[in-house]
Amino acid sequence: MNFFTRFKKIFIIIIFLALIAVLGYLIWKTFFKTTIINPLASTTPQTINGLPTAGVGGANIVDSNDPENLPSDNQGTNTENPLGVGEKSEIAQGGVTKITTLTSSPTLDPTLSSNGSVQYYNKDDGLFYKIDNNGKAVLMSDKVFYNVDNVVWAPTKDRAILEYPDGNKIIYNFTTKEQITLPSHWEDFSFSPDSSQLVSKSIGVDPENRWLMVSNGDGSKAKALEIIGTNDKTVYPAWSPNNQIVATYTKGVDFNRQEIYFVGLNGENFKSTMIEGRGLQSQWSTTGDRLLYSVYNSNDNYLPRLWIVNAQGDTINTNRINLDIATWSSKCTFASNTEVYCAVPENLAEGAGLYPELADKTKDNLYKIDLVSGVKQLIAIPDGAYNVSQIMVPSNQDNLYFTDKKTNQIYEVKLK
């Protein structure tokens, strides 16, 4: 009895240290253990038996950890460099590929112009530029806009909404040089396909004065569409290219599922669609008939997973497909209605969907997805450790442009 009393403090310390060790291991296993994401396709395009659908109701989730749902070794796991180790191609052919730097300064929210060239805001000098056919940066306007925090481009690319850290917002027309101030409590803008209208959220101090609203493209003649109250964080203004839908909003179903609802201009009663996770990022296909999105799920180690679903009229919630690619929708772009280009991390730590910053230093490779055949093709391994924050491909698919998250510079990959 005296022995245990004498060494009681030592026993308590040993038990405490053991508990700390176990807790530390569980935290590492849950959030920091690295999961290697296998390459998605060989350097030669191959059809992977089409794309598996997830059913209409949303309960049939494709388990990416099930070997039966993954390509076999002869269907897309060969990642040998066709050019040979250490060689670098001028044109993307599936191996190590030369990357050309287009800007020497950090940029913000670049976009493709109407003719397929790149235009952007220069964070160093506060000016807007367009890159011409010779790769030279040409001023879009001589007006300086200091400390812009976010740029929302109109589809016509002749105007943009500029947002500042203090909440001020303006619309600037690069053709007419006209500048219009918008209310500071308007947020999350999206232009109509012809740039004549604008959908956004009006966030009043009182939750009862928070609305999804639509206005003319210059901010005039604003009218309320739906009251959003305290649900503003789950409402996403996003005007579809076919003009049917102006926003989406989500409601939780259970821990791993949410339901997306679609909002039109005239109170239409659209169907909803199920999504298999949280952390929604989405974008419309070029014709607005499908929605590409990414979510994370506890059944998939909380990794971001890419999906696509029909999202037009009576077809909403049909052909919901797990693309079996671990990346975010923001790292993808439609080159046509059936072709998607994505930057895919070489590896991702478990929990990267919950904590995207875990992937900030991960190198990305470039893939092309054919949504008709199901082919997922590795098109380029960049000749540097780039972490892609935005990707752009013009309709002629001659080049691919991307920005790097660390440098914010714009880079080019030749596709042809």
Protein backbone atom coordinates (compact mmCIF):
# COMPACT_ATOMS: atom_id res chain seq x y z
CA MET A 1 0.00 0.00 0.00
CA ASN A 2 2.87 2.34 0.91
CA PHE A 3 4.54 1.46 -2.40
CA PHE A 4 1.58 2.70 -4.52
CA THR A 5 1.17 5.76 -2.33
CA ARG A 6 4.85 6.55 -2.68
CA PHE A 7 4.91 6.28 -6.47
CA LYS A 8 1.37 7.56 -7.15
CA LYS A 9 2.55 10.75 -8.90
CA ILE A 10 4.91 8.79 -11.15
CA PHE A 11 2.09 6.45 -12.20
CA ILE A 12 -0.16 9.43 -12.98
CA ILE A 13 2.55 11.06 -15.10
CA ILE A 14 3.15 7.83 -17.06
CA ILE A 15 -0.59 7.38 -17.74
CA PHE A 16 -0.88 11.06 -18.82
CA LEU A 17 2.05 10.74 -21.25
CA ALA A 18 0.57 7.56 -22.71
CA LEU A 19 -2.76 9.30 -23.32
CA ILE A 20 -0.98 12.24 -25.02
CA ALA A 21 0.88 9.79 -27.32
CA VAL A 22 -2.34 8.00 -28.31
CA LEU A 23 -4.17 11.29 -28.91
CA GLY A 24 -1.27 12.62 -30.99
CA TYR A 25 -1.30 9.48 -33.16
CA LEU A 26 -5.05 9.74 -33.76
CA ILE A 27 -4.74 13.42 -34.78
CA TRP A 28 -1.88 12.57 -37.18
CA LYS A 29 -3.76 9.66 -38.69
CA THR A 30 -6.94 11.70 -39.18
CA PHE A 31 -5.55 14.95 -40.56
CA PHE A 32 -1.89 14.65 -41.56
CA LYS A 33 -1.23 11.15 -42.82
CA THR A 34 -0.52 11.46 -46.54
CA THR A 35 -2.60 9.45 -48.99
CA ILE A 36 -1.00 8.97 -52.38
CA ILE A 37 -3.49 9.60 -55.17
CA ASN A 38 -2.75 7.22 -58.03
CA PRO A 39 -2.43 8.73 -61.52
CA LEU A 40 -5.76 8.77 -63.28
CA ALA A 41 -4.91 7.77 -66.80
CA SER A 42 -2.07 6.62 -68.98
CA THR A 43 -0.27 9.00 -71.30
CA THR A 44 -2.21 7.41 -74.14
CA PRO A 45 -5.97 8.10 -74.05
CA GLN A 46 -7.99 5.00 -73.21
CA THR A 47 -11.66 4.52 -72.55
CA ILE A 48 -12.37 3.35 -69.01
CA ASN A 49 -15.68 1.61 -69.75
CA GLY A 50 -17.55 4.91 -69.58
CA LEU A 51 -18.27 6.80 -66.37
CA PRO A 52 -20.19 5.16 -63.48
CA THR A 53 -23.42 6.89 -62.51
CA ALA A 54 -24.45 7.32 -58.90
CA GLY A 55 -28.15 6.82 -59.46
CA VAL A 56 -30.97 9.33 -59.26
CA GLY A 57 -31.70 9.30 -55.55
CA GLY A 58 -28.20 9.98 -54.32
CA ALA A 59 -27.80 7.00 -51.99
CA ASN A 60 -25.56 4.93 -54.28
CA ILE A 61 -22.19 6.55 -53.64
CA VAL A 62 -19.33 5.15 -55.70
CA ASP A 63 -16.63 4.06 -53.26
CA SER A 64 -13.32 5.12 -54.75
CA ASN A 65 -11.52 2.77 -52.35
CA ASP A 66 -13.26 -0.27 -53.83
CA PRO A 67 -10.89 -1.89 -56.39
CA GLU A 68 -13.89 -2.84 -58.53
CA ASN A 69 -14.60 0.83 -59.16
CA LEU A 70 -11.04 1.75 -60.18
CA PRO A 71 -9.40 1.30 -63.61
CA SER A 72 -7.41 -1.90 -63.95
CA ASP A 73 -3.66 -1.75 -64.58
CA ASN A 74 -4.18 -1.80 -68.34
CA GLN A 75 -6.81 0.92 -68.16
CA GLY A 76 -4.88 3.88 -66.95
CA THR A 77 -2.17 3.31 -64.33
CA ASN A 78 0.84 3.59 -66.67
CA THR A 79 2.50 6.93 -65.99
CA GLU A 80 5.77 6.37 -67.83
CA ASN A 81 7.10 9.50 -69.45
CA PRO A 82 6.94 8.85 -73.24
CA LEU A 83 9.79 11.32 -73.75
CA GLY A 84 12.17 9.58 -71.38
CA VAL A 85 13.30 10.58 -67.92
CA GLY A 86 14.54 14.15 -67.74
CA GLU A 87 13.34 15.14 -71.21
CA LYS A 88 10.96 18.05 -71.60
CA SER A 89 8.38 18.56 -74.33
CA GLU A 90 7.47 21.94 -75.84
CA ILE A 91 3.90 20.65 -76.36
CA ALA A 92 1.81 18.70 -73.84
CA GLN A 93 2.07 14.99 -74.70
CA GLY A 94 1.53 13.37 -71.32
CA GLY A 95 5.04 13.73 -69.92
CA VAL A 96 7.23 16.48 -68.50
CA THR A 97 6.21 19.66 -70.31
CA LYS A 98 7.76 23.11 -70.67
CA ILE A 99 5.93 25.88 -68.83
CA THR A 100 6.19 29.46 -70.12
CA THR A 101 5.87 32.37 -67.69
CA LEU A 102 3.61 35.09 -69.13
CA THR A 103 3.71 37.68 -66.32
CA SER A 104 6.52 38.86 -64.08
CA SER A 105 4.20 40.38 -61.47
CA PRO A 106 1.48 38.80 -59.31
CA THR A 107 -1.98 38.94 -60.87
CA LEU A 108 -5.56 38.72 -59.65
CA ASP A 109 -8.53 36.88 -61.18
CA PRO A 110 -7.35 36.56 -64.80
CA THR A 111 -9.88 35.57 -67.46
CA LEU A 112 -10.03 34.73 -71.15
CA SER A 113 -11.10 37.58 -73.41
CA SER A 114 -13.67 37.15 -76.17
CA ASN A 115 -10.88 36.19 -78.62
CA GLY A 116 -9.22 33.71 -76.26
CA SER A 117 -6.35 35.86 -75.00
CA VAL A 118 -5.68 36.43 -71.29
CA GLN A 119 -6.62 39.63 -69.46
CA TYR A 120 -5.86 40.33 -65.82
CA TYR A 121 -5.33 42.79 -62.97
CA ASN A 122 -1.69 43.49 -62.03
CA LYS A 123 -1.40 43.60 -58.24
CA ASP A 124 1.89 45.55 -58.33
CA ASP A 125 0.81 48.60 -60.34
CA GLY A 126 -3.02 48.45 -60.07
CA LEU A 127 -3.53 48.35 -63.86
CA PHE A 128 -5.45 45.96 -66.13
CA TYR A 129 -3.65 44.27 -69.03
CA LYS A 130 -4.37 41.97 -71.95
CA ILE A 131 -1.75 39.65 -73.45
CA ASP A 132 -1.58 40.03 -77.24
CA ASN A 133 -0.71 37.40 -79.86
CA ASN A 134 3.02 38.11 -79.39
CA GLY A 135 2.85 37.45 -75.67
CA LYS A 136 3.17 41.15 -74.83
CA ALA A 137 1.10 42.76 -72.06
CA VAL A 138 -1.02 45.63 -73.43
CA LEU A 139 -2.93 48.09 -71.23
CA MET A 140 -6.71 47.75 -71.21
CA SER A 141 -7.04 51.14 -69.53
CA ASP A 142 -4.65 53.75 -68.15
CA LYS A 143 -6.81 54.13 -65.03
CA VAL A 144 -5.15 52.84 -61.87
CA PHE A 145 -7.18 50.84 -59.32
CA TYR A 146 -5.17 50.42 -56.12
CA ASN A 147 -5.51 47.45 -53.76
CA VAL A 148 -8.31 45.60 -55.56
CA ASP A 149 -9.24 42.50 -53.55
CA ASN A 150 -11.49 40.65 -56.01
CA VAL A 151 -12.49 40.93 -59.68
CA VAL A 152 -15.76 39.58 -61.16
CA TRP A 153 -15.65 39.68 -64.97
CA ALA A 154 -18.75 40.02 -67.13
CA PRO A 155 -19.07 37.30 -69.81
CA THR A 156 -18.55 39.95 -72.52
CA LYS A 157 -15.21 40.76 -70.78
CA ASP A 158 -15.63 44.49 -71.47
CA ARG A 159 -16.50 45.28 -67.84
CA ALA A 160 -15.84 43.97 -64.35
CA ILE A 161 -16.87 44.43 -60.74
CA LEU A 162 -13.93 45.50 -58.57
CA GLU A 163 -14.13 44.79 -54.86
CA TYR A 164 -11.93 46.40 -52.21
CA PRO A 165 -10.90 45.22 -48.71
CA ASP A 166 -12.97 47.98 -47.06
CA GLY A 167 -16.16 46.67 -48.71
CA ASN A 168 -16.41 49.28 -51.47
CA LYS A 169 -17.41 47.96 -54.89
CA ILE A 170 -17.51 49.49 -58.37
CA ILE A 171 -18.35 48.42 -61.91
CA TYR A 172 -15.85 49.63 -64.49
CA ASN A 173 -16.48 49.54 -68.25
CA PHE A 174 -13.19 49.29 -70.17
CA THR A 175 -14.82 50.39 -73.43
CA THR A 176 -16.73 53.47 -72.26
CA LYS A 177 -14.42 54.19 -69.26
CA GLU A 178 -17.58 54.55 -67.14
CA GLN A 179 -17.37 53.81 -63.40
CA ILE A 180 -20.42 53.06 -61.22
CA THR A 181 -20.43 52.56 -57.45
CA LEU A 182 -22.41 49.61 -56.06
CA PRO A 183 -23.87 49.30 -52.53
CA SER A 184 -21.25 47.90 -50.15
CA HIS A 185 -23.73 45.36 -48.70
CA TRP A 186 -24.11 43.60 -52.07
CA GLU A 187 -22.02 40.43 -52.27
CA ASP A 188 -21.24 37.38 -54.46
CA PHE A 189 -21.95 38.71 -57.94
CA SER A 190 -22.73 36.76 -61.10
CA PHE A 191 -23.54 38.27 -64.51
CA SER A 192 -26.15 36.98 -66.96
CA PRO A 193 -24.72 35.40 -70.14
CA ASP A 194 -25.14 38.63 -72.14
CA SER A 195 -23.85 40.75 -69.23
CA SER A 196 -27.07 42.81 -69.18
CA GLN A 197 -28.16 41.64 -65.70
CA LEU A 198 -26.57 40.86 -62.38
CA VAL A 199 -27.53 38.50 -59.55
CA SER A 200 -26.09 38.98 -56.06
CA LYS A 201 -26.85 38.80 -52.35
CA SER A 202 -27.98 41.89 -50.44
CA ILE A 203 -26.75 41.33 -46.88
CA GLY A 204 -28.45 43.67 -44.42
CA VAL A 205 -27.53 43.86 -40.73
CA ASP A 206 -30.92 42.38 -39.83
CA PRO A 207 -31.27 38.77 -41.12
CA GLU A 208 -34.81 39.63 -42.20
CA ASN A 209 -33.30 42.13 -44.62
CA ARG A 210 -31.06 39.69 -46.49
CA TRP A 211 -32.11 38.86 -50.02
CA LEU A 212 -31.08 37.15 -53.20
CA MET A 213 -31.61 39.89 -55.76
CA VAL A 214 -31.28 40.71 -59.44
CA SER A 215 -30.52 44.04 -61.11
CA ASN A 216 -29.48 45.51 -64.43
CA GLY A 217 -25.85 45.01 -65.37
CA ASP A 218 -25.01 48.48 -64.03
CA GLY A 219 -26.70 47.82 -60.67
CA SER A 220 -29.87 49.79 -61.45
CA LYS A 221 -33.47 48.59 -61.04
CA ALA A 222 -32.68 46.04 -58.33
CA LYS A 223 -35.44 43.69 -57.18
CA ALA A 224 -35.62 40.91 -54.61
CA LEU A 225 -35.95 37.28 -55.71
CA GLU A 226 -35.84 35.27 -52.47
CA ILE A 227 -35.33 36.09 -48.81
CA ILE A 228 -32.26 34.24 -47.50
CA GLY A 229 -32.19 35.30 -43.83
CA THR A 230 -29.45 33.54 -41.87
CA ASN A 231 -28.76 31.08 -44.73
CA ASP A 232 -26.59 33.47 -46.77
CA LYS A 233 -23.51 31.20 -46.44
CA THR A 234 -25.29 28.38 -48.30
CA VAL A 235 -26.68 30.51 -51.14
CA TYR A 236 -24.55 30.65 -54.30
CA PRO A 237 -25.36 33.19 -57.05
CA ALA A 238 -24.33 31.55 -60.34
CA TRP A 239 -26.17 32.52 -63.54
CA SER A 240 -26.37 29.53 -65.87
CA PRO A 241 -25.30 29.96 -69.52
CA ASN A 242 -28.76 28.82 -70.70
CA ASN A 243 -30.47 31.58 -68.63
CA GLN A 244 -32.65 29.11 -66.69
CA ILE A 245 -31.04 29.35 -63.24
CA VAL A 246 -29.52 32.32 -61.42
CA ALA A 247 -28.48 30.74 -58.11
CA THR A 248 -28.35 27.56 -56.05
CA TYR A 249 -28.67 26.91 -52.35
CA THR A 250 -28.02 23.85 -50.21
CA LYS A 251 -29.65 22.13 -47.23
CA GLY A 252 -28.11 19.37 -45.14
CA VAL A 253 -29.65 15.90 -45.37
CA ASP A 254 -27.24 14.00 -43.11
CA PHE A 255 -23.56 14.11 -42.17
CA ASN A 256 -22.38 13.16 -45.67
CA ARG A 257 -25.12 14.51 -47.92
CA GLN A 258 -26.70 17.80 -48.89
CA GLU A 259 -29.42 18.74 -51.36
CA ILE A 260 -28.95 21.45 -54.00
CA TYR A 261 -31.97 23.59 -54.92
CA PHE A 262 -32.10 25.74 -58.05
CA VAL A 263 -33.48 29.29 -58.24
CA GLY A 264 -34.86 30.87 -61.42
CA LEU A 265 -35.99 34.40 -62.21
CA ASN A 266 -39.70 33.64 -62.13
CA GLY A 267 -40.25 31.39 -59.11
CA GLU A 268 -39.92 28.16 -61.11
CA ASN A 269 -40.34 24.91 -59.19
CA PHE A 270 -37.16 23.17 -60.31
CA LYS A 271 -36.18 19.71 -59.14
CA SER A 272 -33.35 19.40 -56.60
CA THR A 273 -30.28 17.18 -56.72
CA MET A 274 -28.35 15.34 -54.02
CA ILE A 275 -24.63 15.89 -53.40
CA GLU A 276 -22.48 13.37 -51.61
CA GLY A 277 -20.56 15.49 -49.15
CA ARG A 278 -19.71 18.95 -47.86
CA GLY A 279 -17.47 21.82 -48.98
CA LEU A 280 -19.36 22.41 -52.22
CA GLN A 281 -17.56 24.11 -55.12
CA SER A 282 -19.35 24.17 -58.48
CA GLN A 283 -19.39 25.58 -62.00
CA TRP A 284 -21.71 25.39 -65.00
CA SER A 285 -20.89 23.59 -68.23
CA THR A 286 -20.58 25.88 -71.26
CA THR A 287 -24.23 25.38 -72.29
CA GLY A 288 -25.59 25.27 -68.74
CA ASP A 289 -27.08 21.79 -68.91
CA ARG A 290 -24.71 20.24 -66.36
CA LEU A 291 -23.08 21.16 -63.07
CA LEU A 292 -19.49 20.19 -62.26
CA TYR A 293 -18.87 20.15 -58.53
CA SER A 294 -16.51 18.92 -55.83
CA VAL A 295 -17.28 17.81 -52.27
CA TYR A 296 -15.54 15.85 -49.51
CA ASN A 297 -16.98 12.85 -47.69
CA SER A 298 -16.09 10.94 -44.51
CA ASN A 299 -16.22 7.68 -46.52
CA ASP A 300 -13.41 9.00 -48.74
CA ASN A 301 -10.91 10.21 -46.10
CA TYR A 302 -12.33 13.74 -46.42
CA LEU A 303 -10.65 14.20 -49.80
CA PRO A 304 -12.20 16.53 -52.40
CA ARG A 305 -13.88 14.48 -55.10
CA LEU A 306 -15.11 15.68 -58.49
CA TRP A 307 -18.67 14.93 -59.70
CA ILE A 308 -20.94 16.01 -62.54
CA VAL A 309 -24.74 15.96 -62.77
CA ASN A 310 -27.44 17.06 -65.21
CA ALA A 311 -28.90 20.38 -64.07
CA GLN A 312 -31.33 21.57 -66.72
CA GLY A 313 -35.16 21.39 -66.65
CA ASP A 314 -36.61 17.91 -66.29
CA THR A 315 -33.15 16.28 -66.49
CA ILE A 316 -32.03 17.77 -63.15
CA ASN A 317 -30.53 15.09 -60.85
CA THR A 318 -29.99 12.55 -63.64
CA ASN A 319 -26.66 11.08 -64.78
CA ARG A 320 -24.95 11.97 -61.54
CA ILE A 321 -21.39 10.71 -62.03
CA ASN A 322 -18.39 10.36 -59.74
CA LEU A 323 -15.46 11.32 -61.97
CA ASP A 324 -13.10 9.56 -59.52
CA ILE A 325 -10.66 12.46 -59.44
CA ALA A 326 -9.36 13.93 -56.19
CA THR A 327 -9.29 17.66 -56.85
CA TRP A 328 -11.41 20.78 -56.44
CA SER A 329 -13.84 22.20 -58.98
CA SER A 330 -11.97 25.52 -58.78
CA LYS A 331 -8.96 23.75 -60.29
CA CYS A 332 -10.98 22.77 -63.38
CA THR A 333 -12.40 24.45 -66.48
CA PHE A 334 -14.67 23.52 -69.39
CA ALA A 335 -13.00 23.86 -72.80
CA SER A 336 -16.24 22.67 -74.41
CA ASN A 337 -19.48 21.24 -73.06
CA THR A 338 -17.97 17.73 -73.03
CA GLU A 339 -14.29 18.41 -72.28
CA VAL A 340 -12.89 19.43 -68.91
CA TYR A 341 -9.30 20.27 -68.00
CA CYS A 342 -8.19 19.92 -64.37
CA ALA A 343 -5.13 20.43 -62.22
CA VAL A 344 -4.85 17.36 -59.99
CA PRO A 345 -2.56 17.18 -56.92
CA GLU A 346 0.08 14.45 -57.09
CA ASN A 347 -0.76 13.55 -53.51
CA LEU A 348 -3.21 14.73 -50.88
CA ALA A 349 -3.21 14.36 -47.11
CA GLU A 350 -6.28 12.86 -45.50
CA GLY A 351 -8.63 15.68 -44.54
CA ALA A 352 -7.59 17.97 -47.41
CA GLY A 353 -11.24 18.58 -48.25
CA LEU A 354 -11.83 19.89 -44.73
CA TYR A 355 -8.54 21.81 -44.68
CA PRO A 356 -7.55 22.82 -48.25
CA GLU A 357 -4.41 24.50 -46.89
CA LEU A 358 -2.96 20.99 -46.46
CA ALA A 359 -2.56 20.97 -50.26
CA ASP A 360 -0.99 24.43 -50.61
CA LYS A 361 2.48 23.00 -51.28
CA THR A 362 1.42 20.02 -53.36
CA LYS A 363 2.54 19.84 -56.98
CA ASP A 364 -0.27 19.61 -59.55
CA ASN A 365 -0.35 17.71 -62.84
CA LEU A 366 -2.71 18.52 -65.72
CA TYR A 367 -5.47 16.18 -66.92
CA LYS A 368 -8.15 16.23 -69.59
CA ILE A 369 -11.52 14.50 -69.08
CA ASP A 370 -13.80 13.51 -71.94
CA LEU A 371 -17.28 13.44 -70.42
CA VAL A 372 -18.70 11.42 -73.33
CA SER A 373 -16.25 8.49 -73.44
CA GLY A 374 -15.06 8.65 -69.84
CA VAL A 375 -11.40 8.96 -70.83
CA LYS A 376 -9.21 10.63 -68.20
CA GLN A 377 -5.90 11.58 -69.77
CA LEU A 378 -2.72 12.90 -68.16
CA ILE A 379 -1.70 15.62 -70.61
CA ALA A 380 1.22 17.32 -68.86
CA ILE A 381 3.58 17.05 -65.92
CA PRO A 382 4.74 20.67 -65.49
CA ASP A 383 8.52 21.15 -65.35
CA GLY A 384 8.24 22.80 -61.94
CA ALA A 385 6.41 22.48 -58.65
CA TYR A 386 3.30 24.54 -59.49
CA ASN A 387 0.22 24.62 -57.29
CA VAL A 388 -2.58 25.68 -59.62
CA SER A 389 -5.13 28.15 -58.29
CA GLN A 390 -6.97 28.85 -61.56
CA ILE A 391 -6.99 27.21 -64.98
CA MET A 392 -8.17 28.52 -68.38
CA VAL A 393 -8.43 26.88 -71.81
CA PRO A 394 -9.77 28.73 -74.90
CA SER A 395 -12.28 26.99 -77.15
CA ASN A 396 -9.63 26.24 -79.82
CA GLN A 397 -7.65 24.33 -77.15
CA ASP A 398 -4.33 25.55 -78.54
CA ASN A 399 -3.02 26.57 -75.11
CA LEU A 400 -3.73 26.10 -71.44
CA TYR A 401 -3.18 28.96 -69.00
CA PHE A 402 -2.95 28.72 -65.23
CA THR A 403 -2.01 30.75 -62.17
CA ASP A 404 0.24 29.48 -59.41
CA LYS A 405 -1.03 29.88 -55.85
CA LYS A 406 2.36 30.96 -54.47
CA THR A 407 3.48 33.46 -57.13
CA ASN A 408 0.05 34.50 -58.52
CA GLN A 409 1.75 34.73 -61.91
CA ILE A 410 0.21 33.44 -65.15
CA TYR A 411 1.79 30.52 -66.99
CA GLU A 412 1.18 28.89 -70.38
CA VAL A 413 1.23 25.29 -71.60
CA LYS A 414 1.08 24.62 -75.33
CA LEU A 415 -1.50 21.95 -76.15
CA LYS A 416 -0.94 21.96 -79.93
